């Protein structure tokens, strides 16, 4: 063509091949990622199938919130014309929930690992675990941002990295004790410091619902679980 632009046409089989290649990449990459994480989780004492099942349950459970109670707050009501309403106040409720994938399942796994590891490692790891949980909780509490109308936002990598260091320092280096210490500190410590300790402030955020371990926290808990498995 005179303007230097060339057009190429592809046959039907070429288009089908491209579509299949794209679908294959979309399927294989998540499977490889899941397999890598499953292999890391297996270092904590799970079989590969158990590890993959735990990861899938966490990911799928992140969409499920279990309501546990409500926080009630009286809010001043103002009419559009600037006049006070009849009673001046109206109730505002915030539903507090537990996220299945970001709170319930990780805590259950942490308690299971702690219970199972005391038999092989001994009760001496109790002190490193407690210290790790307290440190991660304190750091998570300080670093968590309280966004009005949105909720709580936890730094994505900070709790997990803090838990990783706690496992390496307090449990004497790489090994099962370090992995369990980091896992317990990264899950329970993050939930305690970032969410539970901030519950009194949720009332002032003006949100209709707040999920412990849910949006804003799930990513930090999940990454903490993965990092802890790497040093087991």
C-alpha atoms as a PDB file:
ATOM      1  CA  UNK A   1       0.000   0.000   0.000  1.00  0.00           C
ATOM      2  CA  UNK A   2       1.083   3.555  -0.680  1.00  0.00           C
ATOM      3  CA  UNK A   3       1.093   4.689   2.963  1.00  0.00           C
ATOM      4  CA  UNK A   4       3.470   1.907   4.012  1.00  0.00           C
ATOM      5  CA  UNK A   5       0.922   0.060   6.171  1.00  0.00           C
ATOM      6  CA  UNK A   6       0.678  -3.667   5.593  1.00  0.00           C
ATOM      7  CA  UNK A   7      -2.151  -5.930   6.686  1.00  0.00           C
ATOM      8  CA  UNK A   8      -1.740  -9.624   7.420  1.00  0.00           C
ATOM      9  CA  UNK A   9      -4.541 -12.146   7.624  1.00  0.00           C
ATOM     10  CA  UNK A  10      -4.434 -15.259   9.743  1.00  0.00           C
ATOM     11  CA  UNK A  11      -6.167 -18.499   9.033  1.00  0.00           C
ATOM     12  CA  UNK A  12      -8.793 -20.046  11.260  1.00  0.00           C
ATOM     13  CA  UNK A  13      -6.404 -22.597  12.778  1.00  0.00           C
ATOM     14  CA  UNK A  14      -3.916 -19.857  13.630  1.00  0.00           C
ATOM     15  CA  UNK A  15      -6.573 -17.953  15.568  1.00  0.00           C
ATOM     16  CA  UNK A  16      -7.612 -21.136  17.373  1.00  0.00           C
ATOM     17  CA  UNK A  17      -3.964 -21.855  18.222  1.00  0.00           C
ATOM     18  CA  UNK A  18      -3.468 -18.372  19.666  1.00  0.00           C
ATOM     19  CA  UNK A  19      -6.608 -18.690  21.784  1.00  0.00           C
ATOM     20  CA  UNK A  20      -5.508 -22.105  23.079  1.00  0.00           C
ATOM     21  CA  UNK A  21      -2.036 -20.744  23.871  1.00  0.00           C
ATOM     22  CA  UNK A  22      -3.489 -17.836  25.840  1.00  0.00           C
ATOM     23  CA  UNK A  23      -5.850 -20.173  27.738  1.00  0.00           C
ATOM     24  CA  UNK A  24      -2.945 -22.519  28.461  1.00  0.00           C
ATOM     25  CA  UNK A  25      -0.843 -19.698  29.891  1.00  0.00           C
ATOM     26  CA  UNK A  26      -3.764 -18.438  31.980  1.00  0.00           C
ATOM     27  CA  UNK A  27      -4.251 -21.927  33.441  1.00  0.00           C
ATOM     28  CA  UNK A  28      -0.626 -23.033  33.833  1.00  0.00           C
ATOM     29  CA  UNK A  29       0.729 -19.937  35.578  1.00  0.00           C
ATOM     30  CA  UNK A  30      -1.764 -20.102  38.496  1.00  0.00           C
ATOM     31  CA  UNK A  31      -1.168 -23.860  38.776  1.00  0.00           C
ATOM     32  CA  UNK A  32       2.604 -23.376  38.914  1.00  0.00           C
ATOM     33  CA  UNK A  33       2.176 -20.649  41.506  1.00  0.00           C
ATOM     34  CA  UNK A  34      -0.148 -22.863  43.549  1.00  0.00           C
ATOM     35  CA  UNK A  35       2.280 -25.762  43.287  1.00  0.00           C
ATOM     36  CA  UNK A  36       5.171 -23.589  44.458  1.00  0.00           C
ATOM     37  CA  UNK A  37       3.228 -22.321  47.462  1.00  0.00           C
ATOM     38  CA  UNK A  38       2.030 -25.850  48.224  1.00  0.00           C
ATOM     39  CA  UNK A  39       5.620 -27.114  48.205  1.00  0.00           C
ATOM     40  CA  UNK A  40       6.587 -24.319  50.600  1.00  0.00           C
ATOM     41  CA  UNK A  41       3.671 -25.099  52.917  1.00  0.00           C
ATOM     42  CA  UNK A  42       4.661 -28.764  52.920  1.00  0.00           C
ATOM     43  CA  UNK A  43       7.865 -27.782  54.743  1.00  0.00           C
ATOM     44  CA  UNK A  44       5.726 -27.115  57.822  1.00  0.00           C
ATOM     45  CA  UNK A  45       4.862 -30.797  58.072  1.00  0.00           C
ATOM     46  CA  UNK A  46       1.871 -31.071  55.739  1.00  0.00           C
ATOM     47  CA  UNK A  47       1.675 -33.374  52.758  1.00  0.00           C
ATOM     48  CA  UNK A  48       1.627 -31.581  49.397  1.00  0.00           C
ATOM     49  CA  UNK A  49      -2.088 -32.290  48.963  1.00  0.00           C
ATOM     50  CA  UNK A  50      -2.880 -31.020  52.466  1.00  0.00           C
ATOM     51  CA  UNK A  51      -0.826 -27.899  51.826  1.00  0.00           C
ATOM     52  CA  UNK A  52      -2.587 -27.126  48.532  1.00  0.00           C
ATOM     53  CA  UNK A  53      -5.975 -27.795  50.141  1.00  0.00           C
ATOM     54  CA  UNK A  54      -5.161 -25.373  52.969  1.00  0.00           C
ATOM     55  CA  UNK A  55      -4.138 -22.675  50.487  1.00  0.00           C
ATOM     56  CA  UNK A  56      -7.265 -23.152  48.379  1.00  0.00           C
ATOM     57  CA  UNK A  57      -9.459 -23.019  51.487  1.00  0.00           C
ATOM     58  CA  UNK A  58      -7.820 -19.749  52.511  1.00  0.00           C
ATOM     59  CA  UNK A  59      -8.249 -18.214  49.062  1.00  0.00           C
ATOM     60  CA  UNK A  60     -11.849 -19.365  48.647  1.00  0.00           C
ATOM     61  CA  UNK A  61     -12.700 -18.581  52.261  1.00  0.00           C
ATOM     62  CA  UNK A  62     -11.540 -14.980  51.832  1.00  0.00           C
ATOM     63  CA  UNK A  63     -14.923 -14.294  50.222  1.00  0.00           C
ATOM     64  CA  UNK A  64     -16.869 -15.576  53.248  1.00  0.00           C
ATOM     65  CA  UNK A  65     -17.509 -13.373  56.285  1.00  0.00           C
ATOM     66  CA  UNK A  66     -19.168 -14.776  59.408  1.00  0.00           C
ATOM     67  CA  UNK A  67     -21.072 -12.085  61.377  1.00  0.00           C
ATOM     68  CA  UNK A  68     -20.398 -12.272  65.107  1.00  0.00           C
ATOM     69  CA  UNK A  69     -21.737  -9.052  66.624  1.00  0.00           C
ATOM     70  CA  UNK A  70     -22.715  -5.434  65.955  1.00  0.00           C
ATOM     71  CA  UNK A  71     -21.357  -2.111  67.121  1.00  0.00           C
ATOM     72  CA  UNK A  72     -24.043   0.523  67.561  1.00  0.00           C
ATOM     73  CA  UNK A  73     -23.410   4.246  67.383  1.00  0.00           C
ATOM     74  CA  UNK A  74     -25.768   7.208  67.618  1.00  0.00           C
ATOM     75  CA  UNK A  75     -25.205   9.599  64.721  1.00  0.00           C
ATOM     76  CA  UNK A  76     -26.449  13.182  64.547  1.00  0.00           C
ATOM     77  CA  UNK A  77     -29.039  13.527  61.770  1.00  0.00           C
ATOM     78  CA  UNK A  78     -29.310  16.813  59.858  1.00  0.00           C
ATOM     79  CA  UNK A  79     -31.966  17.558  57.240  1.00  0.00           C
ATOM     80  CA  UNK A  80     -30.972  18.803  53.783  1.00  0.00           C
ATOM     81  CA  UNK A  81     -32.204  22.303  54.523  1.00  0.00           C
ATOM     82  CA  UNK A  82     -29.919  22.529  57.543  1.00  0.00           C
ATOM     83  CA  UNK A  83     -32.655  22.011  60.114  1.00  0.00           C
ATOM     84  CA  UNK A  84     -32.355  19.353  62.806  1.00  0.00           C
ATOM     85  CA  UNK A  85     -34.457  16.249  62.438  1.00  0.00           C
ATOM     86  CA  UNK A  86     -37.303  15.362  64.720  1.00  0.00           C
ATOM     87  CA  UNK A  87     -35.159  13.480  67.196  1.00  0.00           C
ATOM     88  CA  UNK A  88     -31.734  14.767  66.154  1.00  0.00           C
ATOM     89  CA  UNK A  89     -30.114  11.314  66.254  1.00  0.00           C
ATOM     90  CA  UNK A  90     -30.320   8.083  64.321  1.00  0.00           C
ATOM     91  CA  UNK A  91     -28.639   4.714  65.037  1.00  0.00           C
ATOM     92  CA  UNK A  92     -25.663   3.536  62.985  1.00  0.00           C
ATOM     93  CA  UNK A  93     -24.646  -0.112  63.143  1.00  0.00           C
ATOM     94  CA  UNK A  94     -21.359  -1.671  62.080  1.00  0.00           C
ATOM     95  CA  UNK A  95     -21.459  -5.450  61.601  1.00  0.00           C
ATOM     96  CA  UNK A  96     -18.291  -7.142  62.882  1.00  0.00           C
ATOM     97  CA  UNK A  97     -17.447 -10.394  61.082  1.00  0.00           C
ATOM     98  CA  UNK A  98     -14.768 -13.065  61.026  1.00  0.00           C
ATOM     99  CA  UNK A  99     -13.299 -13.762  57.607  1.00  0.00           C
ATOM    100  CA  UNK A 100     -13.092 -17.504  56.996  1.00  0.00           C
ATOM    101  CA  UNK A 101      -9.958 -17.427  54.839  1.00  0.00           C
ATOM    102  CA  UNK A 102      -8.126 -14.593  56.545  1.00  0.00           C
ATOM    103  CA  UNK A 103      -8.875 -15.295  60.203  1.00  0.00           C
ATOM    104  CA  UNK A 104     -10.578 -18.605  61.027  1.00  0.00           C
ATOM    105  CA  UNK A 105      -8.560 -20.986  58.827  1.00  0.00           C
ATOM    106  CA  UNK A 106      -5.111 -19.401  59.475  1.00  0.00           C
ATOM    107  CA  UNK A 107      -5.692 -19.398  63.249  1.00  0.00           C
ATOM    108  CA  UNK A 108      -6.828 -23.038  63.156  1.00  0.00           C
ATOM    109  CA  UNK A 109      -3.688 -23.975  61.186  1.00  0.00           C
ATOM    110  CA  UNK A 110      -1.498 -21.972  63.585  1.00  0.00           C
ATOM    111  CA  UNK A 111      -2.965 -23.697  66.647  1.00  0.00           C
ATOM    112  CA  UNK A 112      -2.608 -27.093  64.944  1.00  0.00           C
ATOM    113  CA  UNK A 113       1.043 -26.442  64.061  1.00  0.00           C
ATOM    114  CA  UNK A 114       1.776 -25.224  67.576  1.00  0.00           C
ATOM    115  CA  UNK A 115       0.139 -28.285  69.111  1.00  0.00           C
ATOM    116  CA  UNK A 116       1.857 -30.755  66.786  1.00  0.00           C
ATOM    117  CA  UNK A 117       5.288 -29.138  67.006  1.00  0.00           C
ATOM    118  CA  UNK A 118       5.449 -29.169  70.812  1.00  0.00           C
ATOM    119  CA  UNK A 119       5.726 -32.949  70.662  1.00  0.00           C
ATOM    120  CA  UNK A 120       8.725 -32.968  68.301  1.00  0.00           C
ATOM    121  CA  UNK A 121      10.415 -29.703  69.277  1.00  0.00           C
ATOM    122  CA  UNK A 122       9.393 -29.361  72.910  1.00  0.00           C
ATOM    123  CA  UNK A 123       7.745 -26.784  75.109  1.00  0.00           C
ATOM    124  CA  UNK A 124      10.811 -24.531  74.897  1.00  0.00           C
ATOM    125  CA  UNK A 125       9.376 -22.825  71.802  1.00  0.00           C
ATOM    126  CA  UNK A 126       6.549 -21.325  73.855  1.00  0.00           C
ATOM    127  CA  UNK A 127       8.585 -18.242  74.781  1.00  0.00           C
ATOM    128  CA  UNK A 128       9.731 -17.465  71.176  1.00  0.00           C
ATOM    129  CA  UNK A 129       6.153 -17.805  69.955  1.00  0.00           C
ATOM    130  CA  UNK A 130       4.738 -15.496  72.626  1.00  0.00           C
ATOM    131  CA  UNK A 131       7.448 -12.895  72.068  1.00  0.00           C
ATOM    132  CA  UNK A 132       6.976 -13.107  68.290  1.00  0.00           C
ATOM    133  CA  UNK A 133       3.199 -12.681  68.551  1.00  0.00           C
ATOM    134  CA  UNK A 134       3.590  -9.650  70.833  1.00  0.00           C
ATOM    135  CA  UNK A 135       6.156  -7.958  68.583  1.00  0.00           C
ATOM    136  CA  UNK A 136       4.214  -8.529  65.366  1.00  0.00           C
ATOM    137  CA  UNK A 137       1.008  -7.381  67.078  1.00  0.00           C
ATOM    138  CA  UNK A 138       2.658  -4.173  68.297  1.00  0.00           C
ATOM    139  CA  UNK A 139       4.189  -3.383  64.900  1.00  0.00           C
ATOM    140  CA  UNK A 140       0.936  -4.174  63.089  1.00  0.00           C
ATOM    141  CA  UNK A 141      -1.030  -1.935  65.430  1.00  0.00           C
ATOM    142  CA  UNK A 142       1.318   0.996  64.846  1.00  0.00           C
ATOM    143  CA  UNK A 143       1.516   0.505  61.068  1.00  0.00           C
ATOM    144  CA  UNK A 144      -2.195  -0.041  60.402  1.00  0.00           C
ATOM    145  CA  UNK A 145      -3.927   2.913  58.720  1.00  0.00           C
ATOM    146  CA  UNK A 146      -7.443   3.822  59.800  1.00  0.00           C
ATOM    147  CA  UNK A 147      -9.316   5.177  56.764  1.00  0.00           C
ATOM    148  CA  UNK A 148     -12.677   6.776  57.493  1.00  0.00           C
ATOM    149  CA  UNK A 149     -15.460   5.321  55.395  1.00  0.00           C
ATOM    150  CA  UNK A 150     -13.197   2.473  54.199  1.00  0.00           C
ATOM    151  CA  UNK A 151     -11.839   0.547  57.196  1.00  0.00           C
ATOM    152  CA  UNK A 152      -8.385  -0.622  58.286  1.00  0.00           C
ATOM    153  CA  UNK A 153      -5.458  -1.017  55.911  1.00  0.00           C
ATOM    154  CA  UNK A 154      -2.544  -3.218  56.979  1.00  0.00           C
ATOM    155  CA  UNK A 155       0.865  -2.959  55.210  1.00  0.00           C
ATOM    156  CA  UNK A 156       1.089  -5.920  52.864  1.00  0.00           C
ATOM    157  CA  UNK A 157       4.593  -7.193  53.656  1.00  0.00           C
ATOM    158  CA  UNK A 158       5.514  -5.668  57.016  1.00  0.00           C
ATOM    159  CA  UNK A 159       3.790  -8.190  59.370  1.00  0.00           C
ATOM    160  CA  UNK A 160       5.094 -11.167  57.412  1.00  0.00           C
ATOM    161  CA  UNK A 161       8.659  -9.868  57.314  1.00  0.00           C
ATOM    162  CA  UNK A 162       8.520  -9.058  61.031  1.00  0.00           C
ATOM    163  CA  UNK A 163       7.255 -12.582  61.753  1.00  0.00           C
ATOM    164  CA  UNK A 164      10.009 -14.010  59.535  1.00  0.00           C
ATOM    165  CA  UNK A 165      12.687 -12.185  61.531  1.00  0.00           C
ATOM    166  CA  UNK A 166      11.090 -13.321  64.801  1.00  0.00           C
ATOM    167  CA  UNK A 167      11.271 -16.920  63.640  1.00  0.00           C
ATOM    168  CA  UNK A 168      14.908 -16.645  62.575  1.00  0.00           C
ATOM    169  CA  UNK A 169      16.085 -14.755  65.664  1.00  0.00           C
ATOM    170  CA  UNK A 170      14.046 -16.286  68.481  1.00  0.00           C
ATOM    171  CA  UNK A 171      13.931 -19.884  67.219  1.00  0.00           C
ATOM    172  CA  UNK A 172      17.621 -20.175  66.431  1.00  0.00           C
ATOM    173  CA  UNK A 173      17.705 -20.003  62.640  1.00  0.00           C
ATOM    174  CA  UNK A 174      16.105 -21.960  59.820  1.00  0.00           C
ATOM    175  CA  UNK A 175      14.089 -25.027  60.770  1.00  0.00           C
ATOM    176  CA  UNK A 176      10.655 -26.250  61.811  1.00  0.00           C
ATOM    177  CA  UNK A 177      10.718 -24.267  65.047  1.00  0.00           C
ATOM    178  CA  UNK A 178      11.469 -21.061  63.131  1.00  0.00           C
ATOM    179  CA  UNK A 179       8.726 -21.766  60.600  1.00  0.00           C
ATOM    180  CA  UNK A 180       6.093 -22.484  63.250  1.00  0.00           C
ATOM    181  CA  UNK A 181       7.129 -19.440  65.275  1.00  0.00           C
ATOM    182  CA  UNK A 182       6.892 -17.213  62.208  1.00  0.00           C
ATOM    183  CA  UNK A 183       3.565 -18.726  61.134  1.00  0.00           C
ATOM    184  CA  UNK A 184       1.914 -18.251  64.530  1.00  0.00           C
ATOM    185  CA  UNK A 185       3.356 -14.753  64.955  1.00  0.00           C
ATOM    186  CA  UNK A 186       2.406 -13.738  61.411  1.00  0.00           C
ATOM    187  CA  UNK A 187      -1.196 -14.888  61.682  1.00  0.00           C
ATOM    188  CA  UNK A 188      -2.249 -14.360  65.290  1.00  0.00           C
ATOM    189  CA  UNK A 189       0.041 -11.345  65.786  1.00  0.00           C
ATOM    190  CA  UNK A 190      -1.291  -9.586  62.685  1.00  0.00           C
ATOM    191  CA  UNK A 191      -4.926 -10.234  63.562  1.00  0.00           C
ATOM    192  CA  UNK A 192      -4.437  -9.131  67.178  1.00  0.00           C
ATOM    193  CA  UNK A 193      -2.528  -5.950  66.401  1.00  0.00           C
ATOM    194  CA  UNK A 194      -4.095  -4.809  63.147  1.00  0.00           C
ATOM    195  CA  UNK A 195      -7.729  -5.790  63.683  1.00  0.00           C
ATOM    196  CA  UNK A 196      -8.715  -6.798  67.208  1.00  0.00           C
ATOM    197  CA  UNK A 197      -6.753  -4.031  68.955  1.00  0.00           C
ATOM    198  CA  UNK A 198      -8.353  -1.518  66.586  1.00  0.00           C
ATOM    199  CA  UNK A 199     -11.943  -2.642  67.172  1.00  0.00           C
ATOM    200  CA  UNK A 200     -12.692   0.292  69.524  1.00  0.00           C
ATOM    201  CA  UNK A 201     -11.747   2.666  66.673  1.00  0.00           C
ATOM    202  CA  UNK A 202     -13.947   0.932  64.089  1.00  0.00           C
ATOM    203  CA  UNK A 203     -16.951   2.712  65.605  1.00  0.00           C
ATOM    204  CA  UNK A 204     -15.503   6.031  64.423  1.00  0.00           C
ATOM    205  CA  UNK A 205     -14.703   4.905  60.854  1.00  0.00           C
ATOM    206  CA  UNK A 206     -18.306   5.078  59.658  1.00  0.00           C
ATOM    207  CA  UNK A 207     -18.327   1.709  57.854  1.00  0.00           C
ATOM    208  CA  UNK A 208     -21.338  -0.580  57.600  1.00  0.00           C
ATOM    209  CA  UNK A 209     -19.262  -3.714  58.064  1.00  0.00           C
ATOM    210  CA  UNK A 210     -15.814  -4.709  59.283  1.00  0.00           C
ATOM    211  CA  UNK A 211     -14.290  -8.141  58.793  1.00  0.00           C
ATOM    212  CA  UNK A 212     -11.443  -9.416  60.977  1.00  0.00           C
ATOM    213  CA  UNK A 213      -8.953 -10.897  58.531  1.00  0.00           C
ATOM    214  CA  UNK A 214     -10.938  -9.598  55.565  1.00  0.00           C
ATOM    215  CA  UNK A 215     -10.251  -6.836  53.076  1.00  0.00           C
ATOM    216  CA  UNK A 216      -7.214  -4.817  54.068  1.00  0.00           C
ATOM    217  CA  UNK A 217      -5.785  -7.634  56.216  1.00  0.00           C
ATOM    218  CA  UNK A 218      -6.085 -10.885  54.246  1.00  0.00           C
ATOM    219  CA  UNK A 219      -3.106 -10.151  51.994  1.00  0.00           C
ATOM    220  CA  UNK A 220      -0.804  -9.484  54.943  1.00  0.00           C
ATOM    221  CA  UNK A 221      -1.890 -12.691  56.707  1.00  0.00           C
ATOM    222  CA  UNK A 222      -1.549 -14.790  53.538  1.00  0.00           C
ATOM    223  CA  UNK A 223       1.931 -13.480  52.714  1.00  0.00           C
ATOM    224  CA  UNK A 224       2.960 -14.039  56.326  1.00  0.00           C
ATOM    225  CA  UNK A 225       1.927 -17.691  56.024  1.00  0.00           C
ATOM    226  CA  UNK A 226       3.952 -18.139  52.821  1.00  0.00           C
ATOM    227  CA  UNK A 227       7.087 -16.439  54.181  1.00  0.00           C
ATOM    228  CA  UNK A 228       7.003 -18.487  57.364  1.00  0.00           C
ATOM    229  CA  UNK A 229       6.946 -21.720  55.363  1.00  0.00           C
ATOM    230  CA  UNK A 230      10.126 -20.751  53.515  1.00  0.00           C
ATOM    231  CA  UNK A 231      12.282 -20.935  56.653  1.00  0.00           C
ATOM    232  CA  UNK A 232      10.799 -24.175  58.015  1.00  0.00           C
END
